[in-house]
Every structure is written in structure tokens, then in C-alpha cells.
PDB file of N, CA and C in Angstrom:
ATOM      1  N   UNK A   1      34.037  37.140 -17.196  1.00  0.00           N
ATOM      2  CA  UNK A   1      32.897  36.734 -16.911  1.00  0.00           C
ATOM      3  C   UNK A   1      32.593  36.051 -17.813  1.00  0.00           C
ATOM      4  N   UNK A   2      31.955  34.808 -17.851  1.00  0.00           N
ATOM      5  CA  UNK A   2      31.134  34.015 -19.306  1.00  0.00           C
ATOM      6  C   UNK A   2      29.690  34.575 -19.446  1.00  0.00           C
ATOM      7  N   UNK A   3      29.269  34.823 -20.529  1.00  0.00           N
ATOM      8  CA  UNK A   3      28.392  34.999 -21.045  1.00  0.00           C
ATOM      9  C   UNK A   3      27.034  34.254 -20.834  1.00  0.00           C
ATOM     10  N   UNK A   4      25.941  34.656 -20.438  1.00  0.00           N
ATOM     11  CA  UNK A   4      24.362  33.573 -20.254  1.00  0.00           C
ATOM     12  C   UNK A   4      23.803  33.051 -21.402  1.00  0.00           C
ATOM     13  N   UNK A   5      24.051  32.173 -21.343  1.00  0.00           N
ATOM     14  CA  UNK A   5      23.511  31.246 -22.701  1.00  0.00           C
ATOM     15  C   UNK A   5      21.913  31.971 -22.956  1.00  0.00           C
ATOM     16  N   UNK A   6      20.820  32.425 -21.676  1.00  0.00           N
ATOM     17  CA  UNK A   6      19.888  33.125 -21.539  1.00  0.00           C
ATOM     18  C   UNK A   6      19.816  34.169 -20.535  1.00  0.00           C
ATOM     19  N   UNK A   7      20.408  35.032 -20.916  1.00  0.00           N
ATOM     20  CA  UNK A   7      20.830  36.028 -19.888  1.00  0.00           C
ATOM     21  C   UNK A   7      19.204  37.586 -19.761  1.00  0.00           C
ATOM     22  N   UNK A   8      18.132  36.850 -19.981  1.00  0.00           N
ATOM     23  CA  UNK A   8      17.135  37.569 -19.825  1.00  0.00           C
ATOM     24  C   UNK A   8      16.458  36.740 -18.746  1.00  0.00           C
ATOM     25  N   UNK A   9      15.718  37.331 -17.580  1.00  0.00           N
ATOM     26  CA  UNK A   9      14.528  36.842 -16.485  1.00  0.00           C
ATOM     27  C   UNK A   9      13.399  37.004 -16.354  1.00  0.00           C
ATOM     28  N   UNK A  10      12.622  36.424 -16.801  1.00  0.00           N
ATOM     29  CA  UNK A  10      11.005  36.626 -16.520  1.00  0.00           C
ATOM     30  C   UNK A  10      10.406  35.946 -15.069  1.00  0.00           C
ATOM     31  N   UNK A  11       9.383  36.758 -14.632  1.00  0.00           N
ATOM     32  CA  UNK A  11       9.450  36.751 -13.466  1.00  0.00           C
ATOM     33  C   UNK A  11       7.610  36.391 -13.735  1.00  0.00           C
ATOM     34  N   UNK A  12       7.046  35.575 -13.400  1.00  0.00           N
ATOM     35  CA  UNK A  12       5.525  35.447 -13.393  1.00  0.00           C
ATOM     36  C   UNK A  12       5.201  34.823 -11.804  1.00  0.00           C
ATOM     37  N   UNK A  13       3.948  35.282 -10.959  1.00  0.00           N
ATOM     38  CA  UNK A  13       2.789  35.360  -9.949  1.00  0.00           C
ATOM     39  C   UNK A  13       2.077  33.520 -10.449  1.00  0.00           C
ATOM     40  N   UNK A  14       2.360  33.001  -9.205  1.00  0.00           N
ATOM     41  CA  UNK A  14       1.403  32.024  -9.500  1.00  0.00           C
ATOM     42  C   UNK A  14       0.748  31.757  -8.274  1.00  0.00           C
ATOM     43  N   UNK A  15      -0.578  31.301  -8.526  1.00  0.00           N
ATOM     44  CA  UNK A  15      -1.292  30.884  -6.981  1.00  0.00           C
ATOM     45  C   UNK A  15      -0.659  29.192  -6.878  1.00  0.00           C
ATOM     46  N   UNK A  16      -0.929  29.004  -5.556  1.00  0.00           N
ATOM     47  CA  UNK A  16      -0.738  27.663  -5.551  1.00  0.00           C
ATOM     48  C   UNK A  16      -0.648  26.203  -5.639  1.00  0.00           C
ATOM     49  N   UNK A  17      -2.018  26.417  -6.250  1.00  0.00           N
ATOM     50  CA  UNK A  17      -2.831  25.151  -6.877  1.00  0.00           C
ATOM     51  C   UNK A  17      -2.041  25.077  -8.733  1.00  0.00           C
ATOM     52  N   UNK A  18      -2.010  26.568  -9.229  1.00  0.00           N
ATOM     53  CA  UNK A  18      -1.090  26.593 -10.381  1.00  0.00           C
ATOM     54  C   UNK A  18       0.245  26.407 -10.115  1.00  0.00           C
ATOM     55  N   UNK A  19       0.832  26.718  -9.316  1.00  0.00           N
ATOM     56  CA  UNK A  19       2.875  25.909  -9.003  1.00  0.00           C
ATOM     57  C   UNK A  19       2.589  24.016  -8.992  1.00  0.00           C
ATOM     58  N   UNK A  20       1.480  23.746  -8.076  1.00  0.00           N
ATOM     59  CA  UNK A  20       1.443  22.609  -8.341  1.00  0.00           C
ATOM     60  C   UNK A  20       1.149  21.526  -9.361  1.00  0.00           C
ATOM     61  N   UNK A  21       0.241  22.023 -10.143  1.00  0.00           N
ATOM     62  CA  UNK A  21       0.449  21.536 -11.580  1.00  0.00           C
ATOM     63  C   UNK A  21       1.310  21.926 -12.387  1.00  0.00           C
ATOM     64  N   UNK A  22       2.110  23.119 -12.451  1.00  0.00           N
ATOM     65  CA  UNK A  22       3.571  23.197 -13.239  1.00  0.00           C
ATOM     66  C   UNK A  22       3.993  21.731 -12.502  1.00  0.00           C
ATOM     67  N   UNK A  23       4.274  21.866 -11.253  1.00  0.00           N
ATOM     68  CA  UNK A  23       5.624  20.667 -10.717  1.00  0.00           C
ATOM     69  C   UNK A  23       5.018  19.353 -11.023  1.00  0.00           C
ATOM     70  N   UNK A  24       3.731  18.750 -11.043  1.00  0.00           N
ATOM     71  CA  UNK A  24       3.306  17.672 -11.281  1.00  0.00           C
ATOM     72  C   UNK A  24       3.640  17.336 -12.875  1.00  0.00           C
ATOM     73  N   UNK A  25       3.159  18.262 -13.714  1.00  0.00           N
ATOM     74  CA  UNK A  25       3.733  18.052 -15.323  1.00  0.00           C
ATOM     75  C   UNK A  25       5.317  18.123 -15.567  1.00  0.00           C
ATOM     76  N   UNK A  26       5.986  18.700 -14.816  1.00  0.00           N
ATOM     77  CA  UNK A  26       7.446  18.989 -14.815  1.00  0.00           C
ATOM     78  C   UNK A  26       8.158  17.217 -14.297  1.00  0.00           C
ATOM     79  N   UNK A  27       7.404  17.122 -13.377  1.00  0.00           N
ATOM     80  CA  UNK A  27       8.159  15.527 -13.027  1.00  0.00           C
ATOM     81  C   UNK A  27       7.080  14.736 -13.439  1.00  0.00           C
ATOM     82  N   UNK A  28       5.938  14.447 -13.914  1.00  0.00           N
ATOM     83  CA  UNK A  28       5.308  13.279 -15.035  1.00  0.00           C
ATOM     84  C   UNK A  28       6.316  13.431 -16.651  1.00  0.00           C
ATOM     85  N   UNK A  29       7.037  14.608 -16.816  1.00  0.00           N
ATOM     86  CA  UNK A  29       7.636  14.710 -18.369  1.00  0.00           C
ATOM     87  C   UNK A  29       9.028  14.701 -17.826  1.00  0.00           C
ATOM     88  N   UNK A  30       9.646  14.769 -16.652  1.00  0.00           N
ATOM     89  CA  UNK A  30      11.060  14.437 -16.165  1.00  0.00           C
ATOM     90  C   UNK A  30      11.493  15.073 -17.504  1.00  0.00           C
ATOM     91  N   UNK A  31      11.393  16.961 -16.838  1.00  0.00           N
ATOM     92  CA  UNK A  31      11.510  17.793 -17.040  1.00  0.00           C
ATOM     93  C   UNK A  31      12.981  17.881 -15.996  1.00  0.00           C
ATOM     94  N   UNK A  32      14.386  18.764 -16.368  1.00  0.00           N
ATOM     95  CA  UNK A  32      15.031  18.479 -15.582  1.00  0.00           C
ATOM     96  C   UNK A  32      14.996  20.057 -14.533  1.00  0.00           C
ATOM     97  N   UNK A  33      14.391  21.174 -15.047  1.00  0.00           N
ATOM     98  CA  UNK A  33      13.999  22.175 -14.129  1.00  0.00           C
ATOM     99  C   UNK A  33      12.778  22.679 -14.266  1.00  0.00           C
ATOM    100  N   UNK A  34      12.443  23.151 -13.393  1.00  0.00           N
ATOM    101  CA  UNK A  34      11.047  24.121 -13.598  1.00  0.00           C
ATOM    102  C   UNK A  34      11.039  25.112 -14.492  1.00  0.00           C
ATOM    103  N   UNK A  35      12.539  25.666 -14.850  1.00  0.00           N
ATOM    104  CA  UNK A  35      13.026  26.350 -16.002  1.00  0.00           C
ATOM    105  C   UNK A  35      12.865  25.948 -17.263  1.00  0.00           C
ATOM    106  N   UNK A  36      13.251  24.829 -17.435  1.00  0.00           N
ATOM    107  CA  UNK A  36      12.570  23.991 -18.766  1.00  0.00           C
ATOM    108  C   UNK A  36      11.437  23.768 -18.875  1.00  0.00           C
ATOM    109  N   UNK A  37      10.778  23.342 -17.376  1.00  0.00           N
ATOM    110  CA  UNK A  37       9.420  23.312 -17.756  1.00  0.00           C
ATOM    111  C   UNK A  37       8.770  24.304 -18.436  1.00  0.00           C
ATOM    112  N   UNK A  38       8.730  25.815 -18.030  1.00  0.00           N
ATOM    113  CA  UNK A  38       7.987  26.401 -18.366  1.00  0.00           C
ATOM    114  C   UNK A  38       8.284  26.970 -20.177  1.00  0.00           C
ATOM    115  N   UNK A  39       9.564  26.443 -20.613  1.00  0.00           N
ATOM    116  CA  UNK A  39      10.140  27.315 -21.567  1.00  0.00           C
ATOM    117  C   UNK A  39       9.124  25.939 -22.632  1.00  0.00           C
ATOM    118  N   UNK A  40       9.254  24.850 -21.807  1.00  0.00           N
ATOM    119  CA  UNK A  40       8.814  23.795 -23.311  1.00  0.00           C
ATOM    120  C   UNK A  40       6.738  24.422 -23.007  1.00  0.00           C
ATOM    121  N   UNK A  41       6.779  24.762 -22.159  1.00  0.00           N
ATOM    122  CA  UNK A  41       5.109  25.025 -22.148  1.00  0.00           C
ATOM    123  C   UNK A  41       4.968  26.478 -23.225  1.00  0.00           C
ATOM    124  N   UNK A  42       5.937  26.848 -22.433  1.00  0.00           N
ATOM    125  CA  UNK A  42       5.553  28.595 -23.797  1.00  0.00           C
ATOM    126  C   UNK A  42       6.008  28.059 -25.667  1.00  0.00           C
ATOM    127  N   UNK A  43       7.413  26.579 -25.485  1.00  0.00           N
ATOM    128  CA  UNK A  43       6.874  26.670 -26.741  1.00  0.00           C
ATOM    129  C   UNK A  43       5.700  25.674 -27.198  1.00  0.00           C
ATOM    130  N   UNK A  44       5.089  25.622 -26.722  1.00  0.00           N
ATOM    131  CA  UNK A  44       3.945  24.513 -26.729  1.00  0.00           C
ATOM    132  C   UNK A  44       2.778  25.471 -27.114  1.00  0.00           C
ATOM    133  N   UNK A  45       2.782  26.620 -26.605  1.00  0.00           N
ATOM    134  CA  UNK A  45       1.706  27.523 -26.198  1.00  0.00           C
ATOM    135  C   UNK A  45       2.100  28.615 -27.411  1.00  0.00           C
ATOM    136  N   UNK A  46       3.299  29.254 -28.469  1.00  0.00           N
ATOM    137  CA  UNK A  46       3.451  29.553 -29.094  1.00  0.00           C
ATOM    138  C   UNK A  46       2.894  28.967 -30.223  1.00  0.00           C
ATOM    139  N   UNK A  47       3.271  27.367 -30.479  1.00  0.00           N
ATOM    140  CA  UNK A  47       3.195  26.490 -31.329  1.00  0.00           C
ATOM    141  C   UNK A  47       1.362  26.097 -31.750  1.00  0.00           C
ATOM    142  N   UNK A  48       0.748  26.328 -31.043  1.00  0.00           N
ATOM    143  CA  UNK A  48      -0.667  26.385 -30.903  1.00  0.00           C
ATOM    144  C   UNK A  48      -1.550  27.456 -31.379  1.00  0.00           C
ATOM    145  N   UNK A  49      -2.593  26.689 -31.833  1.00  0.00           N
ATOM    146  CA  UNK A  49      -3.566  27.686 -32.384  1.00  0.00           C
ATOM    147  C   UNK A  49      -4.966  27.817 -31.303  1.00  0.00           C
ATOM    148  N   UNK A  50      -5.602  29.056 -31.662  1.00  0.00           N
ATOM    149  CA  UNK A  50      -6.616  29.303 -30.870  1.00  0.00           C
ATOM    150  C   UNK A  50      -6.966  30.522 -30.239  1.00  0.00           C
ATOM    151  N   UNK A  51      -5.868  30.867 -29.613  1.00  0.00           N
ATOM    152  CA  UNK A  51      -5.969  32.806 -29.450  1.00  0.00           C
ATOM    153  C   UNK A  51      -5.484  33.440 -30.696  1.00  0.00           C
ATOM    154  N   UNK A  52      -6.251  34.347 -30.343  1.00  0.00           N
ATOM    155  CA  UNK A  52      -5.920  35.292 -31.385  1.00  0.00           C
ATOM    156  C   UNK A  52      -5.784  36.859 -30.641  1.00  0.00           C
ATOM    157  N   UNK A  53      -6.462  37.273 -30.409  1.00  0.00           N
ATOM    158  CA  UNK A  53      -5.910  38.634 -29.486  1.00  0.00           C
ATOM    159  C   UNK A  53      -6.763  38.680 -28.090  1.00  0.00           C
ATOM    160  N   UNK A  54      -6.292  39.361 -26.849  1.00  0.00           N
ATOM    161  CA  UNK A  54      -7.062  39.620 -25.973  1.00  0.00           C
ATOM    162  C   UNK A  54      -7.881  41.070 -26.300  1.00  0.00           C
ATOM    163  N   UNK A  55      -9.003  40.399 -25.680  1.00  0.00           N
ATOM    164  CA  UNK A  55     -10.311  41.583 -25.434  1.00  0.00           C
ATOM    165  C   UNK A  55      -9.515  42.650 -24.481  1.00  0.00           C
ATOM    166  N   UNK A  56     -10.280  44.231 -25.012  1.00  0.00           N
ATOM    167  CA  UNK A  56      -9.821  45.436 -24.402  1.00  0.00           C
ATOM    168  C   UNK A  56     -10.134  45.245 -22.774  1.00  0.00           C
ATOM    169  N   UNK A  57      -9.079  45.434 -22.022  1.00  0.00           N
ATOM    170  CA  UNK A  57      -9.632  45.885 -20.610  1.00  0.00           C
ATOM    171  C   UNK A  57      -9.296  44.621 -20.027  1.00  0.00           C
ATOM    172  N   UNK A  58      -9.040  43.282 -20.494  1.00  0.00           N
ATOM    173  CA  UNK A  58      -8.726  42.156 -19.875  1.00  0.00           C
ATOM    174  C   UNK A  58      -7.464  42.347 -19.114  1.00  0.00           C
ATOM    175  N   UNK A  59      -7.716  41.808 -17.604  1.00  0.00           N
ATOM    176  CA  UNK A  59      -6.524  42.154 -16.641  1.00  0.00           C
ATOM    177  C   UNK A  59      -5.521  40.690 -17.077  1.00  0.00           C
ATOM    178  N   UNK A  60      -4.130  40.564 -16.258  1.00  0.00           N
ATOM    179  CA  UNK A  60      -3.750  39.847 -16.166  1.00  0.00           C
ATOM    180  C   UNK A  60      -4.333  38.636 -14.932  1.00  0.00           C
ATOM    181  N   UNK A  61      -5.049  39.164 -14.253  1.00  0.00           N
ATOM    182  CA  UNK A  61      -5.701  38.074 -13.207  1.00  0.00           C
ATOM    183  C   UNK A  61      -6.977  37.709 -13.832  1.00  0.00           C
ATOM    184  N   UNK A  62      -7.300  37.521 -14.951  1.00  0.00           N
ATOM    185  CA  UNK A  62      -8.314  37.085 -15.962  1.00  0.00           C
ATOM    186  C   UNK A  62      -7.612  35.910 -16.766  1.00  0.00           C
ATOM    187  N   UNK A  63      -6.538  35.823 -16.568  1.00  0.00           N
ATOM    188  CA  UNK A  63      -5.851  34.633 -17.368  1.00  0.00           C
ATOM    189  C   UNK A  63      -5.102  33.544 -16.193  1.00  0.00           C
ATOM    190  N   UNK A  64      -6.182  32.424 -16.616  1.00  0.00           N
ATOM    191  CA  UNK A  64      -5.700  31.530 -15.367  1.00  0.00           C
ATOM    192  C   UNK A  64      -5.191  30.616 -16.147  1.00  0.00           C
ATOM    193  N   UNK A  65      -4.670  29.040 -15.167  1.00  0.00           N
ATOM    194  CA  UNK A  65      -3.992  28.087 -15.581  1.00  0.00           C
ATOM    195  C   UNK A  65      -4.740  26.811 -15.678  1.00  0.00           C
ATOM    196  N   UNK A  66      -5.540  26.675 -14.696  1.00  0.00           N
ATOM    197  CA  UNK A  66      -6.049  25.305 -14.037  1.00  0.00           C
ATOM    198  C   UNK A  66      -7.671  25.629 -14.474  1.00  0.00           C
ATOM    199  N   UNK A  67      -8.935  24.673 -14.440  1.00  0.00           N
ATOM    200  CA  UNK A  67      -9.719  25.328 -15.157  1.00  0.00           C
ATOM    201  C   UNK A  67     -10.822  25.430 -13.536  1.00  0.00           C
ATOM    202  N   UNK A  68     -11.268  26.592 -13.787  1.00  0.00           N
ATOM    203  CA  UNK A  68     -12.329  26.269 -12.414  1.00  0.00           C
ATOM    204  C   UNK A  68     -13.150  25.694 -12.247  1.00  0.00           C
ATOM    205  N   UNK A  69     -14.266  25.448 -10.959  1.00  0.00           N
ATOM    206  CA  UNK A  69     -15.002  24.766 -10.802  1.00  0.00           C
ATOM    207  C   UNK A  69     -15.865  24.292 -11.418  1.00  0.00           C
ATOM    208  N   UNK A  70     -16.079  25.114 -12.416  1.00  0.00           N
ATOM    209  CA  UNK A  70     -17.361  24.776 -13.338  1.00  0.00           C
ATOM    210  C   UNK A  70     -16.862  23.787 -14.779  1.00  0.00           C
ATOM    211  N   UNK A  71     -15.424  23.731 -14.719  1.00  0.00           N
ATOM    212  CA  UNK A  71     -14.608  22.966 -15.876  1.00  0.00           C
ATOM    213  C   UNK A  71     -14.371  23.835 -17.114  1.00  0.00           C
ATOM    214  N   UNK A  72     -14.747  25.472 -16.596  1.00  0.00           N
ATOM    215  CA  UNK A  72     -14.192  26.082 -17.531  1.00  0.00           C
ATOM    216  C   UNK A  72     -13.058  26.727 -17.244  1.00  0.00           C
ATOM    217  N   UNK A  73     -11.813  26.619 -18.248  1.00  0.00           N
ATOM    218  CA  UNK A  73     -10.460  27.090 -17.819  1.00  0.00           C
ATOM    219  C   UNK A  73     -10.596  28.714 -18.774  1.00  0.00           C
ATOM    220  N   UNK A  74     -10.086  29.635 -17.963  1.00  0.00           N
ATOM    221  CA  UNK A  74      -9.962  31.027 -17.695  1.00  0.00           C
ATOM    222  C   UNK A  74      -8.991  31.736 -18.630  1.00  0.00           C
ATOM    223  N   UNK A  75      -8.214  31.002 -19.108  1.00  0.00           N
ATOM    224  CA  UNK A  75      -7.044  31.718 -20.266  1.00  0.00           C
ATOM    225  C   UNK A  75      -7.501  32.399 -21.334  1.00  0.00           C
ATOM    226  N   UNK A  76      -8.566  31.995 -21.945  1.00  0.00           N
ATOM    227  CA  UNK A  76      -9.419  32.535 -22.978  1.00  0.00           C
ATOM    228  C   UNK A  76     -10.124  33.812 -23.044  1.00  0.00           C
ATOM    229  N   UNK A  77      -9.851  34.181 -22.135  1.00  0.00           N
ATOM    230  CA  UNK A  77     -11.115  35.559 -21.919  1.00  0.00           C
ATOM    231  C   UNK A  77     -11.757  36.439 -23.360  1.00  0.00           C
ATOM    232  N   UNK A  78     -11.010  36.357 -24.426  1.00  0.00           N
ATOM    233  CA  UNK A  78     -11.829  36.559 -25.594  1.00  0.00           C
ATOM    234  C   UNK A  78     -12.522  35.901 -26.538  1.00  0.00           C
ATOM    235  N   UNK A  79     -12.402  34.252 -25.902  1.00  0.00           N
ATOM    236  CA  UNK A  79     -13.444  33.798 -26.214  1.00  0.00           C
ATOM    237  C   UNK A  79     -15.027  33.688 -26.179  1.00  0.00           C
TER     238      UNK A  79
END
């Protein structure tokens, strides 16, 4: 059996609107797959600056993808 180029699997849970935002971005950028789009977004996020460390007691649900109704993005709870 051939070796997989990417043998590790990462599973995440998204809300319907977050998945729609990912899919819209993917199609706008002509990404070949959802996985490729997520890898590109991870690459961009890891290369960016501005998030030092999550605060103590921060939960996974505190990190969002889309802005809230007040326009504030919830992906930076330490700020």
C-alpha cells in the first residue's frame, strides 16, 4: 500500500454559516478542495501576527470564524 502524503487527519466542527463562509471563500479562490482551502487558511493564519496566547479558561466555543451581529469577531478572546 502506498504511503499517504498527509497521513494525519484533523476533524473540526463548524456551524452552518461558518461552513458556508469557508465554501464561499474556497470557490472565490478556486481552491481544488475543502481540505486545500483549510490548509491555505491555516498557512495564512500561522504566518500572521496579532494573537499572542489564549487567555486562561478560554473554551473552544469562544473562538469563532464570522463576526457577531455587532461586527466584532470572536476569534481573539485574549484581546
